[in-house]
């Protein structure tokens, strides 16, 4: 039986590194969801990632992340990874 296990990782970054960090996470390919929270822990955006979500499909989301990055100095990224 092939069961998927989801592991959550959480790390703090500066707003200026937000877009590049999300792009790198998407490139890794084993990410199910990315959640961006402000320093108080309030969710700013949740990005569900599925197979095939790349390129032009992500451009509007990356633009929204860029707007968030301009507004926050610190944020936390919560990453849900699929483990086999």
PDB file of N, CA and C in Angstrom:
ATOM      1  N   UNK A   1       0.828  -1.173   0.000  1.00  0.00           N
ATOM      2  CA  UNK A   1       0.000   0.000   0.000  1.00  0.00           C
ATOM      3  C   UNK A   1       0.879   1.246   0.000  1.00  0.00           C
ATOM      4  N   UNK A   2       0.539   2.197  -0.821  1.00  0.00           N
ATOM      5  CA  UNK A   2       1.328   3.420  -0.929  1.00  0.00           C
ATOM      6  C   UNK A   2       0.585   4.550  -0.223  1.00  0.00           C
ATOM      7  N   UNK A   3       0.924   4.791   1.027  1.00  0.00           N
ATOM      8  CA  UNK A   3       0.265   5.836   1.802  1.00  0.00           C
ATOM      9  C   UNK A   3       1.085   7.108   1.742  1.00  0.00           C
ATOM     10  N   UNK A   4       0.374   8.207   1.532  1.00  0.00           N
ATOM     11  CA  UNK A   4       1.030   9.507   1.560  1.00  0.00           C
ATOM     12  C   UNK A   4       1.051  10.028   2.984  1.00  0.00           C
ATOM     13  N   UNK A   5       2.187  10.521   3.386  1.00  0.00           N
ATOM     14  CA  UNK A   5       2.301  11.181   4.679  1.00  0.00           C
ATOM     15  C   UNK A   5       2.616  12.643   4.413  1.00  0.00           C
ATOM     16  N   UNK A   6       1.947  13.498   5.142  1.00  0.00           N
ATOM     17  CA  UNK A   6       2.159  14.933   4.993  1.00  0.00           C
ATOM     18  C   UNK A   6       2.979  15.425   6.178  1.00  0.00           C
ATOM     19  N   UNK A   7       4.073  16.101   5.871  1.00  0.00           N
ATOM     20  CA  UNK A   7       4.920  16.676   6.913  1.00  0.00           C
ATOM     21  C   UNK A   7       4.875  18.191   6.767  1.00  0.00           C
ATOM     22  N   UNK A   8       4.714  18.867   7.883  1.00  0.00           N
ATOM     23  CA  UNK A   8       4.694  20.332   7.867  1.00  0.00           C
ATOM     24  C   UNK A   8       6.027  20.866   8.347  1.00  0.00           C
ATOM     25  N   UNK A   9       6.511  21.860   7.632  1.00  0.00           N
ATOM     26  CA  UNK A   9       7.706  22.591   8.032  1.00  0.00           C
ATOM     27  C   UNK A   9       7.330  24.059   8.111  1.00  0.00           C
ATOM     28  N   UNK A  10       7.895  24.730   9.073  1.00  0.00           N
ATOM     29  CA  UNK A  10       7.581  26.144   9.279  1.00  0.00           C
ATOM     30  C   UNK A  10       8.885  26.902   9.460  1.00  0.00           C
ATOM     31  N   UNK A  11       9.033  28.000   8.732  1.00  0.00           N
ATOM     32  CA  UNK A  11      10.235  28.800   8.923  1.00  0.00           C
ATOM     33  C   UNK A  11       9.947  30.272   8.668  1.00  0.00           C
ATOM     34  N   UNK A  12      10.684  31.111   9.362  1.00  0.00           N
ATOM     35  CA  UNK A  12      10.513  32.562   9.270  1.00  0.00           C
ATOM     36  C   UNK A  12      11.500  33.124   8.256  1.00  0.00           C
ATOM     37  N   UNK A  13      11.014  34.070   7.453  1.00  0.00           N
ATOM     38  CA  UNK A  13      11.872  34.748   6.490  1.00  0.00           C
ATOM     39  C   UNK A  13      11.498  36.223   6.451  1.00  0.00           C
ATOM     40  N   UNK A  14      12.345  37.003   5.818  1.00  0.00           N
ATOM     41  CA  UNK A  14      12.028  38.418   5.642  1.00  0.00           C
ATOM     42  C   UNK A  14      11.128  38.568   4.417  1.00  0.00           C
ATOM     43  N   UNK A  15      10.361  39.640   4.394  1.00  0.00           N
ATOM     44  CA  UNK A  15       9.457  39.893   3.283  1.00  0.00           C
ATOM     45  C   UNK A  15      10.160  39.967   1.944  1.00  0.00           C
ATOM     46  N   UNK A  16      11.372  40.492   1.934  1.00  0.00           N
ATOM     47  CA  UNK A  16      12.096  40.651   0.669  1.00  0.00           C
ATOM     48  C   UNK A  16      12.493  39.314   0.039  1.00  0.00           C
ATOM     49  N   UNK A  17      12.562  38.247   0.820  1.00  0.00           N
ATOM     50  CA  UNK A  17      12.936  36.926   0.293  1.00  0.00           C
ATOM     51  C   UNK A  17      11.721  36.053   0.007  1.00  0.00           C
ATOM     52  N   UNK A  18      10.536  36.584   0.218  1.00  0.00           N
ATOM     53  CA  UNK A  18       9.316  35.787   0.134  1.00  0.00           C
ATOM     54  C   UNK A  18       9.086  35.186  -1.251  1.00  0.00           C
ATOM     55  N   UNK A  19       9.109  35.997  -2.286  1.00  0.00           N
ATOM     56  CA  UNK A  19       8.809  35.505  -3.634  1.00  0.00           C
ATOM     57  C   UNK A  19       9.839  34.476  -4.081  1.00  0.00           C
ATOM     58  N   UNK A  20      11.114  34.759  -3.882  1.00  0.00           N
ATOM     59  CA  UNK A  20      12.143  33.809  -4.321  1.00  0.00           C
ATOM     60  C   UNK A  20      12.057  32.495  -3.552  1.00  0.00           C
ATOM     61  N   UNK A  21      11.702  32.562  -2.281  1.00  0.00           N
ATOM     62  CA  UNK A  21      11.564  31.344  -1.480  1.00  0.00           C
ATOM     63  C   UNK A  21      10.388  30.510  -1.969  1.00  0.00           C
ATOM     64  N   UNK A  22       9.264  31.139  -2.260  1.00  0.00           N
ATOM     65  CA  UNK A  22       8.099  30.402  -2.759  1.00  0.00           C
ATOM     66  C   UNK A  22       8.407  29.780  -4.118  1.00  0.00           C
ATOM     67  N   UNK A  23       9.085  30.512  -4.993  1.00  0.00           N
ATOM     68  CA  UNK A  23       9.465  29.956  -6.293  1.00  0.00           C
ATOM     69  C   UNK A  23      10.333  28.712  -6.115  1.00  0.00           C
ATOM     70  N   UNK A  24      11.284  28.775  -5.210  1.00  0.00           N
ATOM     71  CA  UNK A  24      12.158  27.625  -4.957  1.00  0.00           C
ATOM     72  C   UNK A  24      11.366  26.437  -4.421  1.00  0.00           C
ATOM     73  N   UNK A  25      10.435  26.687  -3.532  1.00  0.00           N
ATOM     74  CA  UNK A  25       9.604  25.613  -2.986  1.00  0.00           C
ATOM     75  C   UNK A  25       8.785  24.941  -4.084  1.00  0.00           C
ATOM     76  N   UNK A  26       8.236  25.735  -4.993  1.00  0.00           N
ATOM     77  CA  UNK A  26       7.444  25.178  -6.095  1.00  0.00           C
ATOM     78  C   UNK A  26       8.320  24.305  -6.982  1.00  0.00           C
ATOM     79  N   UNK A  27       9.551  24.715  -7.214  1.00  0.00           N
ATOM     80  CA  UNK A  27      10.481  23.932  -8.043  1.00  0.00           C
ATOM     81  C   UNK A  27      10.797  22.565  -7.430  1.00  0.00           C
ATOM     82  N   UNK A  28      10.740  22.462  -6.118  1.00  0.00           N
ATOM     83  CA  UNK A  28      11.055  21.193  -5.460  1.00  0.00           C
ATOM     84  C   UNK A  28      10.075  20.087  -5.845  1.00  0.00           C
ATOM     85  N   UNK A  29       8.826  20.463  -6.078  1.00  0.00           N
ATOM     86  CA  UNK A  29       7.870  19.515  -6.623  1.00  0.00           C
ATOM     87  C   UNK A  29       7.133  18.622  -5.652  1.00  0.00           C
ATOM     88  N   UNK A  30       7.594  18.446  -4.433  1.00  0.00           N
ATOM     89  CA  UNK A  30       6.906  17.556  -3.496  1.00  0.00           C
ATOM     90  C   UNK A  30       6.088  18.338  -2.469  1.00  0.00           C
ATOM     91  N   UNK A  31       5.737  19.564  -2.835  1.00  0.00           N
ATOM     92  CA  UNK A  31       4.995  20.442  -1.945  1.00  0.00           C
ATOM     93  C   UNK A  31       3.504  20.335  -2.255  1.00  0.00           C
ATOM     94  N   UNK A  32       2.694  20.159  -1.245  1.00  0.00           N
ATOM     95  CA  UNK A  32       1.248  20.094  -1.421  1.00  0.00           C
ATOM     96  C   UNK A  32       0.590  21.454  -1.194  1.00  0.00           C
ATOM     97  N   UNK A  33       1.058  22.209  -0.202  1.00  0.00           N
ATOM     98  CA  UNK A  33       0.447  23.494   0.130  1.00  0.00           C
ATOM     99  C   UNK A  33       1.493  24.406   0.760  1.00  0.00           C
ATOM    100  N   UNK A  34       1.392  25.690   0.437  1.00  0.00           N
ATOM    101  CA  UNK A  34       2.237  26.713   1.052  1.00  0.00           C
ATOM    102  C   UNK A  34       1.293  27.731   1.691  1.00  0.00           C
ATOM    103  N   UNK A  35       1.534  28.019   2.960  1.00  0.00           N
ATOM    104  CA  UNK A  35       0.744  29.018   3.680  1.00  0.00           C
ATOM    105  C   UNK A  35       1.692  30.105   4.161  1.00  0.00           C
ATOM    106  N   UNK A  36       1.310  31.346   3.929  1.00  0.00           N
ATOM    107  CA  UNK A  36       2.127  32.472   4.367  1.00  0.00           C
ATOM    108  C   UNK A  36       1.363  33.187   5.482  1.00  0.00           C
ATOM    109  N   UNK A  37       2.062  33.367   6.609  1.00  0.00           N
ATOM    110  CA  UNK A  37       1.451  34.008   7.774  1.00  0.00           C
ATOM    111  C   UNK A  37       2.266  35.236   8.149  1.00  0.00           C
ATOM    112  N   UNK A  38       1.588  36.218   8.748  1.00  0.00           N
ATOM    113  CA  UNK A  38       2.316  37.386   9.247  1.00  0.00           C
ATOM    114  C   UNK A  38       2.954  37.034  10.590  1.00  0.00           C
ATOM    115  N   UNK A  39       3.693  37.982  11.174  1.00  0.00           N
ATOM    116  CA  UNK A  39       4.421  37.648  12.404  1.00  0.00           C
ATOM    117  C   UNK A  39       3.511  37.409  13.596  1.00  0.00           C
ATOM    118  N   UNK A  40       2.237  37.824  13.505  1.00  0.00           N
ATOM    119  CA  UNK A  40       1.262  37.528  14.565  1.00  0.00           C
ATOM    120  C   UNK A  40       0.625  36.154  14.388  1.00  0.00           C
ATOM    121  N   UNK A  41       0.919  35.482  13.272  1.00  0.00           N
ATOM    122  CA  UNK A  41       0.382  34.146  13.025  1.00  0.00           C
ATOM    123  C   UNK A  41      -0.892  34.111  12.200  1.00  0.00           C
ATOM    124  N   UNK A  42      -1.336  35.270  11.726  1.00  0.00           N
ATOM    125  CA  UNK A  42      -2.540  35.328  10.903  1.00  0.00           C
ATOM    126  C   UNK A  42      -2.207  34.899   9.469  1.00  0.00           C
ATOM    127  N   UNK A  43      -3.023  34.008   8.911  1.00  0.00           N
ATOM    128  CA  UNK A  43      -2.798  33.534   7.546  1.00  0.00           C
ATOM    129  C   UNK A  43      -3.095  34.655   6.555  1.00  0.00           C
ATOM    130  N   UNK A  44      -2.104  34.941   5.695  1.00  0.00           N
ATOM    131  CA  UNK A  44      -2.263  35.963   4.669  1.00  0.00           C
ATOM    132  C   UNK A  44      -2.699  35.353   3.341  1.00  0.00           C
ATOM    133  N   UNK A  45      -2.145  34.185   3.011  1.00  0.00           N
ATOM    134  CA  UNK A  45      -2.503  33.497   1.770  1.00  0.00           C
ATOM    135  C   UNK A  45      -2.165  32.019   1.907  1.00  0.00           C
ATOM    136  N   UNK A  46      -3.022  31.176   1.336  1.00  0.00           N
ATOM    137  CA  UNK A  46      -2.771  29.741   1.253  1.00  0.00           C
ATOM    138  C   UNK A  46      -2.728  29.376  -0.219  1.00  0.00           C
ATOM    139  N   UNK A  47      -1.695  28.647  -0.595  1.00  0.00           N
ATOM    140  CA  UNK A  47      -1.525  28.271  -1.992  1.00  0.00           C
ATOM    141  C   UNK A  47      -1.517  26.752  -2.095  1.00  0.00           C
ATOM    142  N   UNK A  48      -2.622  26.166  -2.562  1.00  0.00           N
ATOM    143  CA  UNK A  48      -2.608  24.721  -2.780  1.00  0.00           C
ATOM    144  C   UNK A  48      -1.859  24.426  -4.080  1.00  0.00           C
ATOM    145  N   UNK A  49      -0.937  23.511  -4.026  1.00  0.00           N
ATOM    146  CA  UNK A  49      -0.156  23.161  -5.212  1.00  0.00           C
ATOM    147  C   UNK A  49      -0.484  21.732  -5.612  1.00  0.00           C
ATOM    148  N   UNK A  50      -0.788  21.548  -6.869  1.00  0.00           N
ATOM    149  CA  UNK A  50      -1.067  20.223  -7.393  1.00  0.00           C
ATOM    150  C   UNK A  50      -0.103  19.952  -8.528  1.00  0.00           C
ATOM    151  N   UNK A  51      -0.024  18.718  -8.938  1.00  0.00           N
ATOM    152  CA  UNK A  51       0.821  18.393 -10.086  1.00  0.00           C
ATOM    153  C   UNK A  51       0.383  19.207 -11.295  1.00  0.00           C
ATOM    154  N   UNK A  52       1.325  19.742 -12.002  1.00  0.00           N
ATOM    155  CA  UNK A  52       1.006  20.512 -13.186  1.00  0.00           C
ATOM    156  C   UNK A  52       0.818  22.001 -12.948  1.00  0.00           C
ATOM    157  N   UNK A  53       0.882  22.450 -11.705  1.00  0.00           N
ATOM    158  CA  UNK A  53       0.748  23.881 -11.427  1.00  0.00           C
ATOM    159  C   UNK A  53       2.135  24.502 -11.545  1.00  0.00           C
ATOM    160  N   UNK A  54       2.406  25.031 -12.726  1.00  0.00           N
ATOM    161  CA  UNK A  54       3.705  25.650 -12.981  1.00  0.00           C
ATOM    162  C   UNK A  54       3.529  26.811 -13.940  1.00  0.00           C
ATOM    163  N   UNK A  55       4.586  27.539 -14.135  1.00  0.00           N
ATOM    164  CA  UNK A  55       4.641  28.566 -15.163  1.00  0.00           C
ATOM    165  C   UNK A  55       3.567  29.627 -15.074  1.00  0.00           C
ATOM    166  N   UNK A  56       2.869  29.822 -16.182  1.00  0.00           N
ATOM    167  CA  UNK A  56       1.906  30.908 -16.313  1.00  0.00           C
ATOM    168  C   UNK A  56       0.762  30.790 -15.314  1.00  0.00           C
ATOM    169  N   UNK A  57       0.422  29.588 -14.894  1.00  0.00           N
ATOM    170  CA  UNK A  57      -0.662  29.401 -13.935  1.00  0.00           C
ATOM    171  C   UNK A  57      -0.312  30.047 -12.598  1.00  0.00           C
ATOM    172  N   UNK A  58       0.960  30.048 -12.250  1.00  0.00           N
ATOM    173  CA  UNK A  58       1.394  30.602 -10.973  1.00  0.00           C
ATOM    174  C   UNK A  58       1.635  32.113 -10.999  1.00  0.00           C
ATOM    175  N   UNK A  59       1.659  32.721 -12.160  1.00  0.00           N
ATOM    176  CA  UNK A  59       1.985  34.150 -12.238  1.00  0.00           C
ATOM    177  C   UNK A  59       1.057  35.039 -11.408  1.00  0.00           C
ATOM    178  N   UNK A  60      -0.268  34.871 -11.461  1.00  0.00           N
ATOM    179  CA  UNK A  60      -1.117  35.721 -10.609  1.00  0.00           C
ATOM    180  C   UNK A  60      -0.852  35.508  -9.118  1.00  0.00           C
ATOM    181  N   UNK A  61      -0.583  34.273  -8.740  1.00  0.00           N
ATOM    182  CA  UNK A  61      -0.285  33.968  -7.335  1.00  0.00           C
ATOM    183  C   UNK A  61       1.026  34.618  -6.918  1.00  0.00           C
ATOM    184  N   UNK A  62       2.028  34.556  -7.781  1.00  0.00           N
ATOM    185  CA  UNK A  62       3.310  35.184  -7.455  1.00  0.00           C
ATOM    186  C   UNK A  62       3.174  36.704  -7.376  1.00  0.00           C
ATOM    187  N   UNK A  63       2.296  37.283  -8.172  1.00  0.00           N
ATOM    188  CA  UNK A  63       2.054  38.727  -8.086  1.00  0.00           C
ATOM    189  C   UNK A  63       1.427  39.075  -6.737  1.00  0.00           C
ATOM    190  N   UNK A  64       0.495  38.238  -6.283  1.00  0.00           N
ATOM    191  CA  UNK A  64      -0.123  38.463  -4.966  1.00  0.00           C
ATOM    192  C   UNK A  64       0.907  38.316  -3.857  1.00  0.00           C
ATOM    193  N   UNK A  65       1.790  37.344  -3.983  1.00  0.00           N
ATOM    194  CA  UNK A  65       2.842  37.142  -2.986  1.00  0.00           C
ATOM    195  C   UNK A  65       3.787  38.337  -2.978  1.00  0.00           C
ATOM    196  N   UNK A  66       4.074  38.887  -4.153  1.00  0.00           N
ATOM    197  CA  UNK A  66       4.912  40.084  -4.235  1.00  0.00           C
ATOM    198  C   UNK A  66       4.281  41.267  -3.520  1.00  0.00           C
ATOM    199  N   UNK A  67       2.963  41.401  -3.631  1.00  0.00           N
ATOM    200  CA  UNK A  67       2.257  42.483  -2.932  1.00  0.00           C
ATOM    201  C   UNK A  67       2.328  42.284  -1.423  1.00  0.00           C
ATOM    202  N   UNK A  68       2.182  41.039  -0.994  1.00  0.00           N
ATOM    203  CA  UNK A  68       2.299  40.734   0.438  1.00  0.00           C
ATOM    204  C   UNK A  68       3.706  41.048   0.924  1.00  0.00           C
ATOM    205  N   UNK A  69       4.698  40.667   0.136  1.00  0.00           N
ATOM    206  CA  UNK A  69       6.085  40.900   0.515  1.00  0.00           C
ATOM    207  C   UNK A  69       6.375  42.379   0.698  1.00  0.00           C
ATOM    208  N   UNK A  70       5.714  43.220  -0.090  1.00  0.00           N
ATOM    209  CA  UNK A  70       5.922  44.664   0.028  1.00  0.00           C
ATOM    210  C   UNK A  70       5.322  45.214   1.318  1.00  0.00           C
ATOM    211  N   UNK A  71       4.356  44.491   1.883  1.00  0.00           N
ATOM    212  CA  UNK A  71       3.667  44.977   3.081  1.00  0.00           C
ATOM    213  C   UNK A  71       4.224  44.433   4.390  1.00  0.00           C
ATOM    214  N   UNK A  72       4.894  43.295   4.348  1.00  0.00           N
ATOM    215  CA  UNK A  72       5.374  42.692   5.594  1.00  0.00           C
ATOM    216  C   UNK A  72       6.897  42.723   5.656  1.00  0.00           C
ATOM    217  N   UNK A  73       7.417  42.874   6.862  1.00  0.00           N
ATOM    218  CA  UNK A  73       8.865  42.830   7.038  1.00  0.00           C
ATOM    219  C   UNK A  73       9.311  41.420   7.423  1.00  0.00           C
ATOM    220  N   UNK A  74       8.457  40.736   8.156  1.00  0.00           N
ATOM    221  CA  UNK A  74       8.730  39.362   8.553  1.00  0.00           C
ATOM    222  C   UNK A  74       7.487  38.532   8.302  1.00  0.00           C
ATOM    223  N   UNK A  75       7.701  37.287   7.911  1.00  0.00           N
ATOM    224  CA  UNK A  75       6.564  36.389   7.747  1.00  0.00           C
ATOM    225  C   UNK A  75       7.034  34.964   7.997  1.00  0.00           C
ATOM    226  N   UNK A  76       6.076  34.079   8.114  1.00  0.00           N
ATOM    227  CA  UNK A  76       6.356  32.668   8.313  1.00  0.00           C
ATOM    228  C   UNK A  76       5.751  31.901   7.152  1.00  0.00           C
ATOM    229  N   UNK A  77       6.509  30.973   6.618  1.00  0.00           N
ATOM    230  CA  UNK A  77       6.007  30.098   5.572  1.00  0.00           C
ATOM    231  C   UNK A  77       5.802  28.726   6.190  1.00  0.00           C
ATOM    232  N   UNK A  78       4.601  28.182   6.020  1.00  0.00           N
ATOM    233  CA  UNK A  78       4.301  26.827   6.464  1.00  0.00           C
ATOM    234  C   UNK A  78       4.185  25.996   5.186  1.00  0.00           C
ATOM    235  N   UNK A  79       5.001  24.955   5.093  1.00  0.00           N
ATOM    236  CA  UNK A  79       5.049  24.119   3.905  1.00  0.00           C
ATOM    237  C   UNK A  79       4.548  22.724   4.257  1.00  0.00           C
ATOM    238  N   UNK A  80       3.594  22.219   3.486  1.00  0.00           N
ATOM    239  CA  UNK A  80       3.138  20.844   3.638  1.00  0.00           C
ATOM    240  C   UNK A  80       3.786  20.030   2.540  1.00  0.00           C
ATOM    241  N   UNK A  81       4.646  19.089   2.930  1.00  0.00           N
ATOM    242  CA  UNK A  81       5.346  18.240   1.972  1.00  0.00           C
ATOM    243  C   UNK A  81       4.783  16.835   1.995  1.00  0.00           C
ATOM    244  N   UNK A  82       4.783  16.206   0.836  1.00  0.00           N
ATOM    245  CA  UNK A  82       4.329  14.833   0.718  1.00  0.00           C
ATOM    246  C   UNK A  82       5.542  13.923   0.858  1.00  0.00           C
ATOM    247  N   UNK A  83       5.411  12.971   1.752  1.00  0.00           N
ATOM    248  CA  UNK A  83       6.450  11.961   1.922  1.00  0.00           C
ATOM    249  C   UNK A  83       5.856  10.621   1.539  1.00  0.00           C
ATOM    250  N   UNK A  84       6.654   9.801   0.888  1.00  0.00           N
ATOM    251  CA  UNK A  84       6.165   8.463   0.524  1.00  0.00           C
ATOM    252  C   UNK A  84       6.749   7.416   1.414  1.00  0.00           C
TER     253      UNK A  84
END
